[in-house]
Amino acid sequence: KSLRYYEDVYFREKESYIILYMFKLFNLNNCFIILASNPEKKVEKRKDEDVTNVYRNIMRKVPQPVTIVTSAEYDILHAQWIKRGMTCTSFTNVSYQPSIISICINKPSRMHDLLLRTQKFAIHVLAKDQVQHGVHFAKSQGDDACQFKDLSHEISEEGLPLISNCAAVMECRAHFVHTVGDHHVWYGEVTDARLSDQLETEPLLYFTRSFRSVGDEIFLKAFEDATLPFEDWTHEAHLRMAWNYITEHGKEGATPLIRKGILRFNKQNKEKIKFGYHETITMFYTNMVADAVKNTGLINSFEEFLEKNKYLLDRTITTKYYSKEKLFSDEARHM
């Protein structure tokens, strides 16, 4: 072919490359223009105190198994065991090989001081029908209080109190402890472990929705889920439920929650309920608890509230305001 032919091909290809290059350059410029006119929106960083509050709220929504940590030491002078337990909702698996777990304990803590001396502890994963255990060990106890007095338990070969009928129990030897912020973090190596013989045993789970105590959160969740054991639905439990709702929502906001909660619980336990829902008695105690909350002022726990308002435990207090005929009438029951 002639030289002219190859020259024409060369210039046509060169022209094509130039056009392609200009097209790409045009698109690239457009990209820069778009980016410049639509800069990526940056999320403004929160203040430290805001981050802390949001973090707390996030962690309050994360379900955790309810566990009880126990330990004990023998008091030679008095020839007796000093046994202590605490409800713990910060329990985590750290390692499988070796088997290491961690628990967090608030500062200050009698349990922390005891663990420093014993260097061993047991972790009990509560079954869903052991709400009362979670509430019991969440209460503040004095040094002289015997937390295990009326509780079915045994002492292991290592001298640890083991609570009966839990979903799971792990005996641990202290591996390491350090302090992070407002908690002591204990790591324990599992030296013995056992699961419940009942395969259908479900663990008790916990998450918080407000600034209630651990015991109150455990109790209220079980009540609302209608998984609270019927034998634990005592007069005091009614007061605890009312106190929690009233302190969080006020009397007006709490009243429908109290009524709805009792009706739901009664329906779930209809074969065990003898008298059923009573509107007059429910509203009477709702008003009594609301007045006590108002008169008592800021209280940190239900136990403290009850200590200052012991008259609420009197189940016959309604008879001081209503005759028996009135209370047992259909009108009073269904007002």
Foldseek 3Di string as FASTA:
>chain_A
DDPVVVVVVVVVVVVVVVVVVVVVVVVVVVVVVVCVVPPDDDDDDDDPVVVVVVVQQVQLPDKFFKKKKKDWDADPVVRGIQIAIAIFRAKAFDDVVQGKIKTKDFPPDPVVVVCVVLQKIKMFRAFLQVLVVNLLRLDDDDSPDDSCPPFDWDADPSRITGGPDTQKMFIWGWDDWDDDDRIIMTMTGTPDMDGGPDPPGHTQMFGHDDPAGRSLRSLVVCLQVLNHPPVPCDLVSLLSQLLVQCVVPNLVRSLVVSVVSQQVNCVVVVVPDDPGAFVLVSVVLSVVSNVLPVVVDDDRHPVVSCVVVVVSVPPCVVCVPDPPVCRPDPVRRPD
